[in-house]
Amino acid sequence: MVYTILRDTTVLHDVSRILPLVVKAMYWYPPYLPAPYFIPYDPMYLMASTFQWIIYPYYWMFYIEAYKVALDAWKKAFEAFAKSLEQATPKQ
């Protein structure tokens, strides 16, 4: 069987033959059952998830606003530069 897998160019049907063996080998332990008692919440996880859901959106909102301000400043600078060139060239 190993020889067939190594010599075949189309490995699709061979993988489908081997895959159940691999899956059985990976999950040999019995399934994990939930505890029969209440497990308290982890305060570190709660702090991290609060930070993720409440603080990060405002951080990214500020970050995007900073980009908008920078792009607006560049736009105004280029417009002012173009206007200064128009005034400097004499009209014929």
N, C-alpha and C. Protein backbone atom coordinates (compact mmCIF):
# COMPACT_ATOMS: atom_id res chain seq x y z
N MET A 1 0.82 -1.19 0.00
CA MET A 1 0.00 0.00 0.00
C MET A 1 0.87 1.26 0.00
N VAL A 2 1.96 1.27 0.76
CA VAL A 2 2.85 2.43 0.78
C VAL A 2 3.49 2.61 -0.58
N TYR A 3 3.83 1.48 -1.21
CA TYR A 3 4.44 1.56 -2.54
C TYR A 3 3.46 2.19 -3.53
N THR A 4 2.19 1.83 -3.45
CA THR A 4 1.19 2.41 -4.36
C THR A 4 1.07 3.91 -4.14
N ILE A 5 1.11 4.33 -2.90
CA ILE A 5 0.98 5.76 -2.61
C ILE A 5 2.17 6.51 -3.18
N LEU A 6 3.36 5.94 -3.02
CA LEU A 6 4.55 6.64 -3.48
C LEU A 6 4.66 6.65 -5.00
N ARG A 7 4.17 5.60 -5.66
CA ARG A 7 4.38 5.54 -7.10
C ARG A 7 3.25 6.21 -7.88
N ASP A 8 2.08 6.39 -7.27
CA ASP A 8 0.96 6.99 -7.99
C ASP A 8 1.18 8.49 -8.19
N THR A 9 0.77 8.95 -9.36
CA THR A 9 0.83 10.39 -9.59
C THR A 9 -0.43 11.07 -9.08
N THR A 10 -1.55 10.40 -9.19
CA THR A 10 -2.78 10.96 -8.63
C THR A 10 -2.95 10.38 -7.25
N VAL A 11 -2.79 11.21 -6.25
CA VAL A 11 -2.76 10.72 -4.88
C VAL A 11 -4.12 10.87 -4.21
N LEU A 12 -5.11 11.39 -4.90
CA LEU A 12 -6.37 11.72 -4.28
C LEU A 12 -7.06 10.49 -3.68
N HIS A 13 -7.13 9.41 -4.44
CA HIS A 13 -7.80 8.23 -3.90
C HIS A 13 -6.98 7.57 -2.80
N ASP A 14 -5.66 7.70 -2.84
CA ASP A 14 -4.83 7.13 -1.79
C ASP A 14 -4.97 7.92 -0.49
N VAL A 15 -5.08 9.24 -0.61
CA VAL A 15 -5.26 10.06 0.58
C VAL A 15 -6.59 9.73 1.23
N SER A 16 -7.60 9.50 0.43
CA SER A 16 -8.90 9.17 1.01
C SER A 16 -8.87 7.80 1.70
N ARG A 17 -7.94 6.93 1.29
CA ARG A 17 -7.81 5.64 1.98
C ARG A 17 -7.05 5.79 3.29
N ILE A 18 -6.07 6.71 3.33
CA ILE A 18 -5.22 6.85 4.51
C ILE A 18 -5.85 7.76 5.56
N LEU A 19 -6.64 8.75 5.12
CA LEU A 19 -7.16 9.76 6.03
C LEU A 19 -7.90 9.20 7.24
N PRO A 20 -8.79 8.20 7.10
CA PRO A 20 -9.44 7.67 8.31
C PRO A 20 -8.45 7.10 9.31
N LEU A 21 -7.36 6.51 8.85
CA LEU A 21 -6.35 5.98 9.77
C LEU A 21 -5.66 7.11 10.53
N VAL A 22 -5.38 8.21 9.84
CA VAL A 22 -4.71 9.34 10.48
C VAL A 22 -5.64 9.97 11.51
N VAL A 23 -6.90 10.14 11.16
CA VAL A 23 -7.85 10.76 12.07
C VAL A 23 -8.03 9.90 13.32
N LYS A 24 -8.09 8.58 13.13
CA LYS A 24 -8.20 7.69 14.29
C LYS A 24 -6.96 7.78 15.17
N ALA A 25 -5.80 7.95 14.56
CA ALA A 25 -4.58 8.03 15.33
C ALA A 25 -4.50 9.34 16.10
N MET A 26 -5.07 10.43 15.54
CA MET A 26 -4.99 11.72 16.20
C MET A 26 -5.91 11.78 17.42
N TYR A 27 -7.08 11.21 17.33
CA TYR A 27 -8.08 11.34 18.39
C TYR A 27 -8.29 10.02 19.10
N TRP A 28 -7.26 9.55 19.79
CA TRP A 28 -7.37 8.26 20.48
C TRP A 28 -7.95 8.43 21.87
N TYR A 29 -7.96 9.66 22.42
CA TYR A 29 -8.42 9.87 23.78
C TYR A 29 -9.94 10.06 23.80
N PRO A 30 -10.58 9.80 24.94
CA PRO A 30 -12.04 9.98 25.00
C PRO A 30 -12.40 11.47 24.93
N PRO A 31 -13.60 11.80 24.52
CA PRO A 31 -13.96 13.22 24.39
C PRO A 31 -14.00 13.92 25.74
N TYR A 32 -13.68 15.20 25.74
CA TYR A 32 -13.67 15.99 26.97
C TYR A 32 -15.10 16.35 27.34
N LEU A 33 -15.50 16.06 28.55
CA LEU A 33 -16.84 16.40 29.01
C LEU A 33 -16.77 17.65 29.86
N PRO A 34 -17.79 18.51 29.81
CA PRO A 34 -17.76 19.71 30.66
C PRO A 34 -17.84 19.35 32.13
N ALA A 35 -17.30 20.21 32.96
CA ALA A 35 -17.30 19.97 34.40
C ALA A 35 -18.72 20.00 34.94
N PRO A 36 -19.04 19.18 35.91
CA PRO A 36 -20.40 19.16 36.45
C PRO A 36 -20.68 20.33 37.40
N TYR A 37 -19.71 21.20 37.60
CA TYR A 37 -19.90 22.36 38.48
C TYR A 37 -19.59 23.63 37.69
N PHE A 38 -19.99 24.78 38.23
CA PHE A 38 -19.78 26.07 37.57
C PHE A 38 -18.31 26.46 37.63
N ILE A 39 -17.75 26.79 36.48
CA ILE A 39 -16.37 27.24 36.41
C ILE A 39 -16.40 28.77 36.35
N PRO A 40 -15.77 29.49 37.29
CA PRO A 40 -15.84 30.96 37.26
C PRO A 40 -15.11 31.52 36.04
N TYR A 41 -15.53 32.70 35.65
CA TYR A 41 -14.91 33.35 34.50
C TYR A 41 -13.48 33.76 34.83
N ASP A 42 -12.65 33.73 33.83
CA ASP A 42 -11.26 34.13 34.00
C ASP A 42 -11.16 35.65 33.89
N PRO A 43 -10.74 36.36 34.94
CA PRO A 43 -10.71 37.83 34.87
C PRO A 43 -9.74 38.36 33.81
N MET A 44 -8.64 37.65 33.58
CA MET A 44 -7.70 38.11 32.56
C MET A 44 -8.33 38.02 31.17
N TYR A 45 -9.08 36.95 30.93
CA TYR A 45 -9.77 36.82 29.65
C TYR A 45 -10.84 37.90 29.51
N LEU A 46 -11.56 38.17 30.60
CA LEU A 46 -12.60 39.19 30.53
C LEU A 46 -11.99 40.57 30.26
N MET A 47 -10.85 40.86 30.86
CA MET A 47 -10.20 42.15 30.62
C MET A 47 -9.73 42.24 29.17
N ALA A 48 -9.16 41.17 28.66
CA ALA A 48 -8.67 41.20 27.29
C ALA A 48 -9.83 41.33 26.30
N SER A 49 -10.91 40.60 26.53
CA SER A 49 -12.03 40.69 25.60
C SER A 49 -12.72 42.04 25.70
N THR A 50 -12.79 42.63 26.89
CA THR A 50 -13.35 43.98 27.03
C THR A 50 -12.49 44.98 26.27
N PHE A 51 -11.19 44.85 26.40
CA PHE A 51 -10.28 45.74 25.67
C PHE A 51 -10.49 45.57 24.17
N GLN A 52 -10.66 44.31 23.75
CA GLN A 52 -10.81 44.04 22.32
C GLN A 52 -12.11 44.63 21.78
N TRP A 53 -13.20 44.49 22.52
CA TRP A 53 -14.51 44.92 22.01
C TRP A 53 -14.79 46.39 22.23
N ILE A 54 -14.20 47.01 23.26
CA ILE A 54 -14.54 48.39 23.59
C ILE A 54 -13.43 49.37 23.17
N ILE A 55 -12.19 49.05 23.44
CA ILE A 55 -11.11 50.01 23.21
C ILE A 55 -10.61 49.98 21.77
N TYR A 56 -10.43 48.80 21.19
CA TYR A 56 -9.86 48.71 19.85
C TYR A 56 -10.66 49.48 18.79
N PRO A 57 -11.99 49.42 18.77
CA PRO A 57 -12.70 50.20 17.73
C PRO A 57 -12.39 51.69 17.79
N TYR A 58 -12.29 52.25 19.01
CA TYR A 58 -11.96 53.67 19.12
C TYR A 58 -10.52 53.92 18.69
N TYR A 59 -9.63 52.99 18.99
CA TYR A 59 -8.24 53.13 18.56
C TYR A 59 -8.17 53.17 17.04
N TRP A 60 -8.85 52.25 16.39
CA TRP A 60 -8.80 52.21 14.93
C TRP A 60 -9.53 53.40 14.31
N MET A 61 -10.60 53.87 14.96
CA MET A 61 -11.30 55.05 14.48
C MET A 61 -10.35 56.26 14.52
N PHE A 62 -9.61 56.39 15.62
CA PHE A 62 -8.65 57.48 15.73
C PHE A 62 -7.55 57.33 14.68
N TYR A 63 -7.09 56.12 14.46
CA TYR A 63 -6.03 55.85 13.50
C TYR A 63 -6.47 56.24 12.09
N ILE A 64 -7.68 55.86 11.72
CA ILE A 64 -8.20 56.19 10.38
C ILE A 64 -8.42 57.69 10.26
N GLU A 65 -8.89 58.34 11.33
CA GLU A 65 -9.06 59.80 11.29
C GLU A 65 -7.71 60.49 11.12
N ALA A 66 -6.67 59.97 11.74
CA ALA A 66 -5.34 60.56 11.58
C ALA A 66 -4.88 60.45 10.13
N TYR A 67 -5.16 59.32 9.49
CA TYR A 67 -4.84 59.18 8.06
C TYR A 67 -5.62 60.19 7.23
N LYS A 68 -6.91 60.37 7.55
CA LYS A 68 -7.72 61.34 6.80
C LYS A 68 -7.16 62.74 6.94
N VAL A 69 -6.77 63.11 8.16
CA VAL A 69 -6.20 64.44 8.38
C VAL A 69 -4.90 64.61 7.60
N ALA A 70 -4.06 63.58 7.61
CA ALA A 70 -2.79 63.66 6.88
C ALA A 70 -3.04 63.78 5.38
N LEU A 71 -3.97 62.99 4.85
CA LEU A 71 -4.27 63.08 3.42
C LEU A 71 -4.86 64.43 3.06
N ASP A 72 -5.71 64.98 3.93
CA ASP A 72 -6.29 66.29 3.69
C ASP A 72 -5.20 67.37 3.70
N ALA A 73 -4.23 67.25 4.62
CA ALA A 73 -3.13 68.21 4.67
C ALA A 73 -2.29 68.15 3.38
N TRP A 74 -2.01 66.94 2.92
CA TRP A 74 -1.26 66.79 1.66
C TRP A 74 -2.04 67.38 0.50
N LYS A 75 -3.34 67.14 0.46
CA LYS A 75 -4.18 67.66 -0.63
C LYS A 75 -4.14 69.19 -0.63
N LYS A 76 -4.30 69.80 0.55
CA LYS A 76 -4.26 71.26 0.63
C LYS A 76 -2.89 71.80 0.25
N ALA A 77 -1.84 71.09 0.64
CA ALA A 77 -0.48 71.54 0.29
C ALA A 77 -0.27 71.50 -1.22
N PHE A 78 -0.72 70.43 -1.87
CA PHE A 78 -0.57 70.34 -3.33
C PHE A 78 -1.42 71.38 -4.03
N GLU A 79 -2.62 71.64 -3.52
CA GLU A 79 -3.46 72.67 -4.14
C GLU A 79 -2.82 74.05 -3.99
N ALA A 80 -2.26 74.33 -2.81
CA ALA A 80 -1.59 75.61 -2.60
C ALA A 80 -0.36 75.73 -3.49
N PHE A 81 0.37 74.62 -3.66
CA PHE A 81 1.55 74.64 -4.54
C PHE A 81 1.14 74.89 -5.98
N ALA A 82 0.04 74.27 -6.42
CA ALA A 82 -0.44 74.49 -7.78
C ALA A 82 -0.89 75.94 -7.97
N LYS A 83 -1.54 76.52 -6.97
CA LYS A 83 -1.96 77.91 -7.06
C LYS A 83 -0.77 78.85 -7.10
N SER A 84 0.27 78.52 -6.34
CA SER A 84 1.45 79.39 -6.36
C SER A 84 2.15 79.33 -7.71
N LEU A 85 2.12 78.19 -8.37
CA LEU A 85 2.70 78.10 -9.71
C LEU A 85 1.87 78.88 -10.71
N GLU A 86 0.57 78.87 -10.57
CA GLU A 86 -0.29 79.63 -11.49
C GLU A 86 -0.03 81.12 -11.35
N GLN A 87 0.17 81.60 -10.16
CA GLN A 87 0.40 83.03 -9.97
C GLN A 87 1.79 83.45 -10.44
N ALA A 88 2.73 82.54 -10.35
CA ALA A 88 4.11 82.90 -10.72
C ALA A 88 4.28 82.97 -12.23
N THR A 89 3.56 82.17 -12.98
CA THR A 89 3.73 82.21 -14.45
C THR A 89 2.91 83.36 -15.02
N PRO A 90 3.54 84.17 -15.83
CA PRO A 90 2.82 85.29 -16.43
C PRO A 90 1.85 84.80 -17.51
N LYS A 91 0.70 85.43 -17.57
CA LYS A 91 -0.28 85.05 -18.58
C LYS A 91 0.04 85.79 -19.87
N GLN A 92 -0.11 85.12 -20.99
CA GLN A 92 0.22 85.74 -22.28
C GLN A 92 -1.02 86.14 -23.02
